[in-house]
Structure formats: structure tokens, C-alpha cells
Amino acid sequence: GPGGWCAKHGRPIIASDNALRYFLSPEIK
């Protein structure tokens, strides 16, 4: 989300919320 971790802290390594959703497979989650 707009105020979430991905937007505030993850941008240098994860491009977007959708990229993070794809990255977080059930095993990783």
C-alpha cells in the first residue's frame, strides 16, 4: 500500500507492491 513497507523501505530492492507479491511465494511467506 501507499504507506506500506514496500513504498517506504523496499523500493531500492523491490520495484512495486506487485513485484513483492510475486516474490513472496508461499514458502518465503
PDB file of all heavy atoms in Angstrom:
ATOM      1  N   GLY A   1       0.814  -1.210   0.000  1.00  0.00           N
ATOM      2  CA  GLY A   1       0.000   0.000   0.000  1.00  0.00           C
ATOM      3  C   GLY A   1       0.845   1.254   0.000  1.00  0.00           C
ATOM      4  O   GLY A   1       2.076   1.201   0.147  1.00  0.00           O
ATOM      5  N   PRO A   2       0.184   2.420  -0.145  1.00  0.00           N
ATOM      6  CA  PRO A   2       0.902   3.701  -0.266  1.00  0.00           C
ATOM      7  C   PRO A   2       1.801   4.029   0.934  1.00  0.00           C
ATOM      8  O   PRO A   2       2.876   4.579   0.766  1.00  0.00           O
ATOM      9  CB  PRO A   2      -0.206   4.734  -0.398  1.00  0.00           C
ATOM     10  CG  PRO A   2      -1.435   3.983  -0.724  1.00  0.00           C
ATOM     11  CD  PRO A   2      -1.249   2.570  -0.277  1.00  0.00           C
ATOM     12  N   GLY A   3       1.394   3.690   2.115  1.00  0.00           N
ATOM     13  CA  GLY A   3       2.211   3.968   3.300  1.00  0.00           C
ATOM     14  C   GLY A   3       2.905   2.731   3.826  1.00  0.00           C
ATOM     15  O   GLY A   3       3.407   2.708   4.942  1.00  0.00           O
ATOM     16  N   GLY A   4       2.965   1.694   3.014  1.00  0.00           N
ATOM     17  CA  GLY A   4       3.478   0.411   3.457  1.00  0.00           C
ATOM     18  C   GLY A   4       4.981   0.262   3.328  1.00  0.00           C
ATOM     19  O   GLY A   4       5.694   1.148   2.854  1.00  0.00           O
ATOM     20  N   TRP A   5       5.440  -0.891   3.775  1.00  0.00           N
ATOM     21  CA  TRP A   5       6.864  -1.180   3.787  1.00  0.00           C
ATOM     22  C   TRP A   5       7.476  -1.078   2.398  1.00  0.00           C
ATOM     23  O   TRP A   5       8.549  -0.503   2.224  1.00  0.00           O
ATOM     24  CB  TRP A   5       7.101  -2.587   4.348  1.00  0.00           C
ATOM     25  CG  TRP A   5       8.537  -2.966   4.309  1.00  0.00           C
ATOM     26  CD1 TRP A   5       9.471  -2.672   5.253  1.00  0.00           C
ATOM     27  CD2 TRP A   5       9.230  -3.656   3.271  1.00  0.00           C
ATOM     28  NE1 TRP A   5      10.702  -3.144   4.862  1.00  0.00           N
ATOM     29  CE2 TRP A   5      10.575  -3.750   3.641  1.00  0.00           C
ATOM     30  CE3 TRP A   5       8.840  -4.202   2.052  1.00  0.00           C
ATOM     31  CZ2 TRP A   5      11.529  -4.377   2.853  1.00  0.00           C
ATOM     32  CZ3 TRP A   5       9.790  -4.825   1.265  1.00  0.00           C
ATOM     33  CH2 TRP A   5      11.124  -4.907   1.671  1.00  0.00           C
ATOM     34  N   CYS A   6       6.798  -1.636   1.415  1.00  0.00           N
ATOM     35  CA  CYS A   6       7.359  -1.650   0.065  1.00  0.00           C
ATOM     36  C   CYS A   6       7.596  -0.220  -0.430  1.00  0.00           C
ATOM     37  O   CYS A   6       8.641   0.078  -0.992  1.00  0.00           O
ATOM     38  CB  CYS A   6       6.448  -2.411  -0.885  1.00  0.00           C
ATOM     39  SG  CYS A   6       7.230  -2.763  -2.466  1.00  0.00           S
ATOM     40  N   ALA A   7       6.648   0.668  -0.204  1.00  0.00           N
ATOM     41  CA  ALA A   7       6.776   2.051  -0.665  1.00  0.00           C
ATOM     42  C   ALA A   7       7.835   2.820   0.112  1.00  0.00           C
ATOM     43  O   ALA A   7       8.577   3.619  -0.460  1.00  0.00           O
ATOM     44  CB  ALA A   7       5.428   2.768  -0.545  1.00  0.00           C
ATOM     45  N   LYS A   8       7.946   2.563   1.402  1.00  0.00           N
ATOM     46  CA  LYS A   8       8.875   3.337   2.246  1.00  0.00           C
ATOM     47  C   LYS A   8      10.274   2.749   2.340  1.00  0.00           C
ATOM     48  O   LYS A   8      11.252   3.481   2.431  1.00  0.00           O
ATOM     49  CB  LYS A   8       8.300   3.467   3.660  1.00  0.00           C
ATOM     50  CG  LYS A   8       7.097   4.366   3.745  1.00  0.00           C
ATOM     51  CD  LYS A   8       6.660   4.512   5.189  1.00  0.00           C
ATOM     52  CE  LYS A   8       5.537   5.513   5.308  1.00  0.00           C
ATOM     53  NZ  LYS A   8       5.154   5.736   6.696  1.00  0.00           N
ATOM     54  N   HIS A   9      10.377   1.435   2.352  1.00  0.00           N
ATOM     55  CA  HIS A   9      11.673   0.798   2.623  1.00  0.00           C
ATOM     56  C   HIS A   9      12.139  -0.155   1.532  1.00  0.00           C
ATOM     57  O   HIS A   9      13.327  -0.425   1.417  1.00  0.00           O
ATOM     58  CB  HIS A   9      11.615   0.013   3.943  1.00  0.00           C
ATOM     59  CG  HIS A   9      11.259   0.852   5.114  1.00  0.00           C
ATOM     60  ND1 HIS A   9      12.174   1.631   5.777  1.00  0.00           N
ATOM     61  CD2 HIS A   9      10.069   1.058   5.739  1.00  0.00           C
ATOM     62  CE1 HIS A   9      11.568   2.274   6.770  1.00  0.00           C
ATOM     63  NE2 HIS A   9      10.291   1.943   6.758  1.00  0.00           N
ATOM     64  N   GLY A  10      11.222  -0.698   0.755  1.00  0.00           N
ATOM     65  CA  GLY A  10      11.579  -1.749  -0.179  1.00  0.00           C
ATOM     66  C   GLY A  10      11.926  -1.301  -1.582  1.00  0.00           C
ATOM     67  O   GLY A  10      12.421  -2.082  -2.379  1.00  0.00           O
ATOM     68  N   ARG A  11      11.689  -0.043  -1.909  1.00  0.00           N
ATOM     69  CA  ARG A  11      11.866   0.425  -3.283  1.00  0.00           C
ATOM     70  C   ARG A  11      13.242   0.150  -3.898  1.00  0.00           C
ATOM     71  O   ARG A  11      13.305  -0.232  -5.051  1.00  0.00           O
ATOM     72  CB  ARG A  11      11.551   1.916  -3.407  1.00  0.00           C
ATOM     73  CG  ARG A  11      10.091   2.217  -3.436  1.00  0.00           C
ATOM     74  CD  ARG A  11       9.437   1.731  -4.727  1.00  0.00           C
ATOM     75  NE  ARG A  11       8.055   2.156  -4.767  1.00  0.00           N
ATOM     76  CZ  ARG A  11       7.028   1.343  -4.693  1.00  0.00           C
ATOM     77  NH1 ARG A  11       7.203   0.058  -4.584  1.00  0.00           N
ATOM     78  NH2 ARG A  11       5.808   1.810  -4.735  1.00  0.00           N
ATOM     79  N   PRO A  12      14.319   0.299  -3.209  1.00  0.00           N
ATOM     80  CA  PRO A  12      15.602   0.028  -3.873  1.00  0.00           C
ATOM     81  C   PRO A  12      15.770  -1.428  -4.313  1.00  0.00           C
ATOM     82  O   PRO A  12      16.495  -1.700  -5.252  1.00  0.00           O
ATOM     83  CB  PRO A  12      16.645   0.384  -2.813  1.00  0.00           C
ATOM     84  CG  PRO A  12      15.948   1.263  -1.844  1.00  0.00           C
ATOM     85  CD  PRO A  12      14.500   0.845  -1.872  1.00  0.00           C
ATOM     86  N   ILE A  13      15.076  -2.354  -3.652  1.00  0.00           N
ATOM     87  CA  ILE A  13      15.269  -3.767  -3.984  1.00  0.00           C
ATOM     88  C   ILE A  13      14.032  -4.422  -4.584  1.00  0.00           C
ATOM     89  O   ILE A  13      14.146  -5.407  -5.288  1.00  0.00           O
ATOM     90  CB  ILE A  13      15.739  -4.569  -2.745  1.00  0.00           C
ATOM     91  CG1 ILE A  13      14.809  -4.348  -1.566  1.00  0.00           C
ATOM     92  CG2 ILE A  13      17.167  -4.231  -2.403  1.00  0.00           C
ATOM     93  CD1 ILE A  13      15.113  -5.192  -0.359  1.00  0.00           C
ATOM     94  N   ILE A  14      12.864  -3.878  -4.327  1.00  0.00           N
ATOM     95  CA  ILE A  14      11.606  -4.407  -4.867  1.00  0.00           C
ATOM     96  C   ILE A  14      10.897  -3.247  -5.563  1.00  0.00           C
ATOM     97  O   ILE A  14      10.600  -2.233  -4.940  1.00  0.00           O
ATOM     98  CB  ILE A  14      10.703  -4.985  -3.758  1.00  0.00           C
ATOM     99  CG1 ILE A  14      11.396  -6.122  -3.005  1.00  0.00           C
ATOM    100  CG2 ILE A  14       9.369  -5.417  -4.315  1.00  0.00           C
ATOM    101  CD1 ILE A  14      11.537  -7.416  -3.776  1.00  0.00           C
ATOM    102  N   ALA A  15      10.620  -3.408  -6.847  1.00  0.00           N
ATOM    103  CA  ALA A  15      10.120  -2.298  -7.659  1.00  0.00           C
ATOM    104  C   ALA A  15       8.703  -1.848  -7.318  1.00  0.00           C
ATOM    105  O   ALA A  15       8.391  -0.667  -7.450  1.00  0.00           O
ATOM    106  CB  ALA A  15      10.188  -2.674  -9.136  1.00  0.00           C
ATOM    107  N   SER A  16       7.866  -2.764  -6.871  1.00  0.00           N
ATOM    108  CA  SER A  16       6.466  -2.395  -6.645  1.00  0.00           C
ATOM    109  C   SER A  16       5.800  -3.404  -5.715  1.00  0.00           C
ATOM    110  O   SER A  16       6.356  -4.464  -5.425  1.00  0.00           O
ATOM    111  CB  SER A  16       5.711  -2.371  -7.977  1.00  0.00           C
ATOM    112  OG  SER A  16       5.618  -3.681  -8.509  1.00  0.00           O
ATOM    113  N   ASP A  17       4.589  -3.048  -5.283  1.00  0.00           N
ATOM    114  CA  ASP A  17       3.803  -3.979  -4.473  1.00  0.00           C
ATOM    115  C   ASP A  17       3.578  -5.285  -5.226  1.00  0.00           C
ATOM    116  O   ASP A  17       3.668  -6.366  -4.652  1.00  0.00           O
ATOM    117  CB  ASP A  17       2.451  -3.371  -4.103  1.00  0.00           C
ATOM    118  CG  ASP A  17       2.527  -2.380  -2.953  1.00  0.00           C
ATOM    119  OD1 ASP A  17       3.595  -2.281  -2.314  1.00  0.00           O
ATOM    120  OD2 ASP A  17       1.517  -1.708  -2.686  1.00  0.00           O
ATOM    121  N   ASN A  18       3.282  -5.188  -6.518  1.00  0.00           N
ATOM    122  CA  ASN A  18       3.043  -6.402  -7.310  1.00  0.00           C
ATOM    123  C   ASN A  18       4.290  -7.266  -7.405  1.00  0.00           C
ATOM    124  O   ASN A  18       4.212  -8.492  -7.343  1.00  0.00           O
ATOM    125  CB  ASN A  18       2.527  -6.050  -8.706  1.00  0.00           C
ATOM    126  CG  ASN A  18       1.086  -5.608  -8.666  1.00  0.00           C
ATOM    127  OD1 ASN A  18       0.348  -5.938  -7.741  1.00  0.00           O
ATOM    128  ND2 ASN A  18       0.667  -4.845  -9.657  1.00  0.00           N
ATOM    129  N   ALA A  19       5.450  -6.644  -7.563  1.00  0.00           N
ATOM    130  CA  ALA A  19       6.703  -7.409  -7.601  1.00  0.00           C
ATOM    131  C   ALA A  19       6.933  -8.109  -6.263  1.00  0.00           C
ATOM    132  O   ALA A  19       7.375  -9.260  -6.225  1.00  0.00           O
ATOM    133  CB  ALA A  19       7.877  -6.492  -7.931  1.00  0.00           C
ATOM    134  N   LEU A  20       6.630  -7.432  -5.166  1.00  0.00           N
ATOM    135  CA  LEU A  20       6.790  -8.048  -3.849  1.00  0.00           C
ATOM    136  C   LEU A  20       5.798  -9.189  -3.669  1.00  0.00           C
ATOM    137  O   LEU A  20       6.147 -10.235  -3.129  1.00  0.00           O
ATOM    138  CB  LEU A  20       6.625  -7.011  -2.740  1.00  0.00           C
ATOM    139  CG  LEU A  20       6.829  -7.522  -1.320  1.00  0.00           C
ATOM    140  CD1 LEU A  20       8.241  -8.083  -1.132  1.00  0.00           C
ATOM    141  CD2 LEU A  20       6.581  -6.406  -0.312  1.00  0.00           C
ATOM    142  N   ARG A  21       4.579  -9.015  -4.129  1.00  0.00           N
ATOM    143  CA  ARG A  21       3.591 -10.095  -4.033  1.00  0.00           C
ATOM    144  C   ARG A  21       4.081 -11.335  -4.793  1.00  0.00           C
ATOM    145  O   ARG A  21       3.930 -12.462  -4.335  1.00  0.00           O
ATOM    146  CB  ARG A  21       2.243  -9.633  -4.580  1.00  0.00           C
ATOM    147  CG  ARG A  21       1.478  -8.758  -3.633  1.00  0.00           C
ATOM    148  CD  ARG A  21       0.093  -8.401  -4.167  1.00  0.00           C
ATOM    149  NE  ARG A  21      -0.637  -7.620  -3.209  1.00  0.00           N
ATOM    150  CZ  ARG A  21      -0.659  -6.290  -3.181  1.00  0.00           C
ATOM    151  NH1 ARG A  21       0.016  -5.597  -4.077  1.00  0.00           N
ATOM    152  NH2 ARG A  21      -1.348  -5.649  -2.260  1.00  0.00           N
ATOM    153  N   TYR A  22       4.667 -11.117  -5.964  1.00  0.00           N
ATOM    154  CA  TYR A  22       5.207 -12.227  -6.752  1.00  0.00           C
ATOM    155  C   TYR A  22       6.394 -12.873  -6.024  1.00  0.00           C
ATOM    156  O   TYR A  22       6.526 -14.084  -5.980  1.00  0.00           O
ATOM    157  CB  TYR A  22       5.633 -11.726  -8.127  1.00  0.00           C
ATOM    158  CG  TYR A  22       6.233 -12.791  -8.998  1.00  0.00           C
ATOM    159  CD1 TYR A  22       5.428 -13.730  -9.639  1.00  0.00           C
ATOM    160  CD2 TYR A  22       7.613 -12.874  -9.174  1.00  0.00           C
ATOM    161  CE1 TYR A  22       5.979 -14.726 -10.433  1.00  0.00           C
ATOM    162  CE2 TYR A  22       8.170 -13.864  -9.966  1.00  0.00           C
ATOM    163  CZ  TYR A  22       7.351 -14.783 -10.590  1.00  0.00           C
ATOM    164  OH  TYR A  22       7.902 -15.762 -11.367  1.00  0.00           O
ATOM    165  N   PHE A  23       7.253 -12.057  -5.452  1.00  0.00           N
ATOM    166  CA  PHE A  23       8.451 -12.529  -4.751  1.00  0.00           C
ATOM    167  C   PHE A  23       8.092 -13.364  -3.525  1.00  0.00           C
ATOM    168  O   PHE A  23       8.748 -14.352  -3.225  1.00  0.00           O
ATOM    169  CB  PHE A  23       9.291 -11.316  -4.340  1.00  0.00           C
ATOM    170  CG  PHE A  23      10.488 -11.652  -3.498  1.00  0.00           C
ATOM    171  CD1 PHE A  23      11.633 -12.173  -4.072  1.00  0.00           C
ATOM    172  CD2 PHE A  23      10.469 -11.438  -2.134  1.00  0.00           C
ATOM    173  CE1 PHE A  23      12.738 -12.481  -3.308  1.00  0.00           C
ATOM    174  CE2 PHE A  23      11.575 -11.733  -1.353  1.00  0.00           C
ATOM    175  CZ  PHE A  23      12.716 -12.265  -1.939  1.00  0.00           C
ATOM    176  N   LEU A  24       7.041 -12.955  -2.812  1.00  0.00           N
ATOM    177  CA  LEU A  24       6.670 -13.631  -1.568  1.00  0.00           C
ATOM    178  C   LEU A  24       5.870 -14.898  -1.864  1.00  0.00           C
ATOM    179  O   LEU A  24       4.666 -14.958  -1.684  1.00  0.00           O
ATOM    180  CB  LEU A  24       5.866 -12.693  -0.660  1.00  0.00           C
ATOM    181  CG  LEU A  24       6.627 -11.524  -0.071  1.00  0.00           C
ATOM    182  CD1 LEU A  24       5.695 -10.616   0.716  1.00  0.00           C
ATOM    183  CD2 LEU A  24       7.777 -11.993   0.805  1.00  0.00           C
ATOM    184  N   SER A  25       6.568 -15.912  -2.318  1.00  0.00           N
ATOM    185  CA  SER A  25       5.931 -17.206  -2.561  1.00  0.00           C
ATOM    186  C   SER A  25       5.411 -17.733  -1.222  1.00  0.00           C
ATOM    187  O   SER A  25       5.817 -17.259  -0.154  1.00  0.00           O
ATOM    188  CB  SER A  25       6.948 -18.180  -3.146  1.00  0.00           C
ATOM    189  OG  SER A  25       7.949 -18.473  -2.194  1.00  0.00           O
ATOM    190  N   PRO A  26       4.524 -18.709  -1.264  1.00  0.00           N
ATOM    191  CA  PRO A  26       4.017 -19.258  -0.002  1.00  0.00           C
ATOM    192  C   PRO A  26       5.137 -19.735   0.932  1.00  0.00           C
ATOM    193  O   PRO A  26       5.052 -19.550   2.149  1.00  0.00           O
ATOM    194  CB  PRO A  26       3.121 -20.419  -0.448  1.00  0.00           C
ATOM    195  CG  PRO A  26       2.653 -20.012  -1.804  1.00  0.00           C
ATOM    196  CD  PRO A  26       3.819 -19.276  -2.422  1.00  0.00           C
ATOM    197  N   GLU A  27       6.193 -20.324   0.369  1.00  0.00           N
ATOM    198  CA  GLU A  27       7.291 -20.826   1.206  1.00  0.00           C
ATOM    199  C   GLU A  27       8.021 -19.672   1.895  1.00  0.00           C
ATOM    200  O   GLU A  27       8.329 -19.743   3.087  1.00  0.00           O
ATOM    201  CB  GLU A  27       8.289 -21.636   0.370  1.00  0.00           C
ATOM    202  CG  GLU A  27       7.740 -22.896  -0.222  1.00  0.00           C
ATOM    203  CD  GLU A  27       6.953 -22.676  -1.525  1.00  0.00           C
ATOM    204  OE1 GLU A  27       7.140 -21.622  -2.172  1.00  0.00           O
ATOM    205  OE2 GLU A  27       6.155 -23.552  -1.871  1.00  0.00           O
ATOM    206  N   ILE A  28       8.314 -18.628   1.143  1.00  0.00           N
ATOM    207  CA  ILE A  28       9.012 -17.467   1.718  1.00  0.00           C
ATOM    208  C   ILE A  28       8.129 -16.790   2.749  1.00  0.00           C
ATOM    209  O   ILE A  28       8.581 -16.434   3.839  1.00  0.00           O
ATOM    210  CB  ILE A  28       9.436 -16.475   0.615  1.00  0.00           C
ATOM    211  CG1 ILE A  28      10.520 -17.096  -0.255  1.00  0.00           C
ATOM    212  CG2 ILE A  28       9.904 -15.152   1.219  1.00  0.00           C
ATOM    213  CD1 ILE A  28      10.895 -16.277  -1.466  1.00  0.00           C
ATOM    214  N   LYS A  29       6.859 -16.635   2.422  1.00  0.00           N
ATOM    215  CA  LYS A  29       5.917 -16.011   3.348  1.00  0.00           C
ATOM    216  C   LYS A  29       5.857 -16.808   4.652  1.00  0.00           C
ATOM    217  O   LYS A  29       5.903 -16.228   5.743  1.00  0.00           O
ATOM    218  CB  LYS A  29       4.540 -15.936   2.697  1.00  0.00           C
ATOM    219  CG  LYS A  29       3.655 -14.866   3.244  1.00  0.00           C
ATOM    220  CD  LYS A  29       2.303 -14.843   2.544  1.00  0.00           C
ATOM    221  CE  LYS A  29       2.428 -14.614   1.064  1.00  0.00           C
ATOM    222  NZ  LYS A  29       1.138 -14.531   0.377  1.00  0.00           N
TER     223      LYS A  29
END
